[in-house]
Amino acid sequence: WNLPPEDPSVMREGPRGRMSAIVDRPMKSFIALISAVSGLGGLLLFWMIWRSSQSLELAQTVTFATLSMTTLFLVFSVRSLTRPLWKTPLASNPALLFAGALGVVTLILGLTVPFFQRLLHTRSLGAEEWGLVIGATVLMIAGIEAMKSMLIRLRSRA
């Protein structure tokens, strides 16, 4: 039940060469760019919040929540590297949806339950901070989708 359904677009792709790498140069660049966007985005967000609030705990918590949410939603974005996120049928893989929902619930528990707050050195977030988390997550996923679009174009030319 955890395998995604067949993707008809796979049959339109030509076969890979026998000696071709599974992770080719454009894919390596894509992975490096995703890592850079996530890392630099998290660092910038941390710096902005720390500078404006002078609260290390708040800056760490918002950054942790943003990078966690970005990672959870990144799975849906890279599920198909031949289609944009909005053209990928998200509901076709219930196990992935369940895992994503479980990840969000786990994150919320880590930020709201006192035991986990002490363990993770986090604090509860207010509506404004959650707005920052969601906004930054959307921006990072949009950036990743833009990079995926470039990868699709690069691969179509090759």
Protein backbone atom coordinates (compact mmCIF):
# COMPACT_ATOMS: atom_id res chain seq x y z
CA TRP A 1 0.00 0.00 0.00
CA ASN A 2 2.99 2.30 0.21
CA LEU A 3 3.98 2.16 -3.45
CA PRO A 4 2.83 5.08 -5.59
CA PRO A 5 0.55 4.24 -8.51
CA GLU A 6 1.97 3.83 -11.97
CA ASP A 7 2.84 7.08 -13.69
CA PRO A 8 1.84 7.03 -17.38
CA SER A 9 4.35 9.78 -18.22
CA VAL A 10 7.22 7.39 -17.43
CA MET A 11 6.50 5.45 -20.62
CA ARG A 12 6.98 8.61 -22.69
CA GLU A 13 10.55 8.95 -21.46
CA GLY A 14 13.22 7.27 -23.49
CA PRO A 15 15.29 4.49 -21.97
CA ARG A 16 18.44 5.40 -20.10
CA GLY A 17 21.74 4.28 -21.44
CA ARG A 18 23.10 1.13 -19.90
CA MET A 19 26.09 2.95 -18.42
CA SER A 20 24.33 6.23 -17.60
CA ALA A 21 24.38 7.41 -14.03
CA ILE A 22 21.19 7.32 -11.98
CA VAL A 23 22.12 10.71 -10.52
CA ASP A 24 23.34 12.70 -13.51
CA ARG A 25 25.00 16.11 -13.55
CA PRO A 26 21.75 18.14 -13.72
CA MET A 27 20.35 16.10 -10.83
CA LYS A 28 23.49 16.70 -8.75
CA SER A 29 23.17 20.42 -9.45
CA PHE A 30 19.49 20.28 -8.47
CA ILE A 31 20.32 18.56 -5.16
CA ALA A 32 23.06 21.11 -4.44
CA LEU A 33 20.72 24.01 -5.22
CA ILE A 34 17.96 22.62 -3.00
CA SER A 35 20.45 22.28 -0.16
CA ALA A 36 21.78 25.80 -0.74
CA VAL A 37 18.32 27.40 -0.92
CA SER A 38 17.17 25.61 2.23
CA GLY A 39 20.36 26.31 4.16
CA LEU A 40 20.75 29.93 3.13
CA GLY A 41 17.02 30.59 3.52
CA GLY A 42 17.10 29.16 7.03
CA LEU A 43 20.22 31.15 7.91
CA LEU A 44 18.70 34.39 6.59
CA LEU A 45 15.46 33.77 8.48
CA PHE A 46 17.37 33.00 11.68
CA TRP A 47 19.43 36.18 11.36
CA MET A 48 16.39 38.38 10.64
CA ILE A 49 14.40 37.07 13.60
CA TRP A 50 17.32 37.09 16.00
CA ARG A 51 18.23 40.63 14.99
CA SER A 52 14.68 41.94 15.33
CA SER A 53 13.66 40.06 18.50
CA GLN A 54 17.01 39.56 20.27
CA SER A 55 15.63 36.14 21.24
CA LEU A 56 17.92 33.27 20.37
CA GLU A 57 15.25 30.74 21.40
CA LEU A 58 12.64 32.33 19.10
CA ALA A 59 15.05 32.52 16.15
CA GLN A 60 16.06 28.88 16.63
CA THR A 61 12.46 27.72 16.96
CA VAL A 62 11.20 29.56 13.87
CA THR A 63 14.16 28.33 11.83
CA PHE A 64 13.68 24.76 13.07
CA ALA A 65 9.96 24.88 12.24
CA THR A 66 10.60 26.39 8.80
CA LEU A 67 13.27 23.90 7.80
CA SER A 68 11.11 21.05 9.12
CA MET A 69 8.07 22.21 7.16
CA THR A 70 10.15 22.80 4.04
CA THR A 71 11.56 19.29 4.26
CA LEU A 72 8.08 17.80 4.75
CA PHE A 73 6.70 19.62 1.71
CA LEU A 74 9.83 19.11 -0.37
CA VAL A 75 8.89 15.44 -0.60
CA PHE A 76 5.76 16.39 -2.53
CA SER A 77 7.69 18.76 -4.78
CA VAL A 78 10.37 16.26 -5.81
CA ARG A 79 7.97 13.34 -6.08
CA SER A 80 7.87 14.05 -9.79
CA LEU A 81 10.83 15.68 -11.46
CA THR A 82 9.03 15.89 -14.81
CA ARG A 83 5.96 17.87 -13.66
CA PRO A 84 5.39 20.90 -11.47
CA LEU A 85 3.97 20.32 -7.99
CA TRP A 86 0.55 21.68 -8.91
CA LYS A 87 0.24 19.11 -11.75
CA THR A 88 1.26 16.16 -9.60
CA PRO A 89 -1.67 14.18 -8.17
CA LEU A 90 -0.89 14.45 -4.45
CA ALA A 91 -3.78 12.27 -3.25
CA SER A 92 -2.60 9.29 -5.31
CA ASN A 93 -0.16 8.21 -2.58
CA PRO A 94 -2.04 7.94 0.74
CA ALA A 95 1.03 6.65 2.59
CA LEU A 96 2.99 9.77 1.65
CA LEU A 97 0.09 12.00 2.70
CA PHE A 98 -0.13 10.16 6.03
CA ALA A 99 3.62 10.47 6.60
CA GLY A 100 3.51 14.20 5.80
CA ALA A 101 0.58 14.76 8.16
CA LEU A 102 2.35 12.76 10.87
CA GLY A 103 5.45 14.91 10.37
CA VAL A 104 3.43 18.12 10.80
CA VAL A 105 1.74 16.75 13.94
CA THR A 106 5.13 15.71 15.34
CA LEU A 107 6.52 19.19 14.65
CA ILE A 108 3.56 20.83 16.39
CA LEU A 109 4.04 18.52 19.39
CA GLY A 110 7.72 19.48 19.51
CA LEU A 111 6.77 23.13 19.67
CA THR A 112 3.84 22.96 22.08
CA VAL A 113 4.33 20.12 24.59
CA PRO A 114 6.50 21.31 27.49
CA PHE A 115 8.47 18.04 27.71
CA PHE A 116 9.46 18.27 24.04
CA GLN A 117 10.10 22.01 24.32
CA ARG A 118 12.69 21.34 27.03
CA LEU A 119 14.17 18.43 25.09
CA LEU A 120 14.40 20.35 21.80
CA HIS A 121 15.02 23.82 23.29
CA THR A 122 12.00 25.22 21.47
CA ARG A 123 9.11 27.42 22.48
CA SER A 124 5.51 27.89 21.42
CA LEU A 125 4.94 30.11 18.41
CA GLY A 126 2.25 32.74 18.07
CA ALA A 127 0.19 33.47 14.96
CA GLU A 128 2.77 35.96 13.66
CA GLU A 129 5.61 33.44 13.97
CA TRP A 130 3.53 30.69 12.33
CA GLY A 131 2.84 33.15 9.51
CA LEU A 132 6.60 33.56 9.08
CA VAL A 133 7.09 29.79 9.09
CA ILE A 134 4.38 29.21 6.49
CA GLY A 135 5.46 32.17 4.34
CA ALA A 136 9.11 31.14 4.36
CA THR A 137 8.15 27.53 3.59
CA VAL A 138 6.04 28.64 0.62
CA LEU A 139 8.90 30.83 -0.64
CA MET A 140 11.43 28.01 -0.36
CA ILE A 141 9.13 25.50 -2.10
CA ALA A 142 8.44 28.08 -4.85
CA GLY A 143 12.20 28.49 -5.30
CA ILE A 144 12.63 24.74 -5.50
CA GLU A 145 9.81 24.52 -8.07
CA ALA A 146 11.56 27.19 -10.14
CA MET A 147 14.78 25.17 -10.00
CA LYS A 148 12.85 22.03 -10.94
CA SER A 149 11.46 23.89 -13.96
CA MET A 150 15.03 24.72 -15.01
CA LEU A 151 16.01 21.06 -14.54
CA ILE A 152 13.11 19.96 -16.75
CA ARG A 153 14.21 22.40 -19.45
CA LEU A 154 17.85 21.28 -19.19
CA ARG A 155 16.87 17.63 -19.50
CA SER A 156 14.56 18.30 -22.47
CA ARG A 157 17.47 19.90 -24.36
CA ALA A 158 19.84 17.01 -23.65
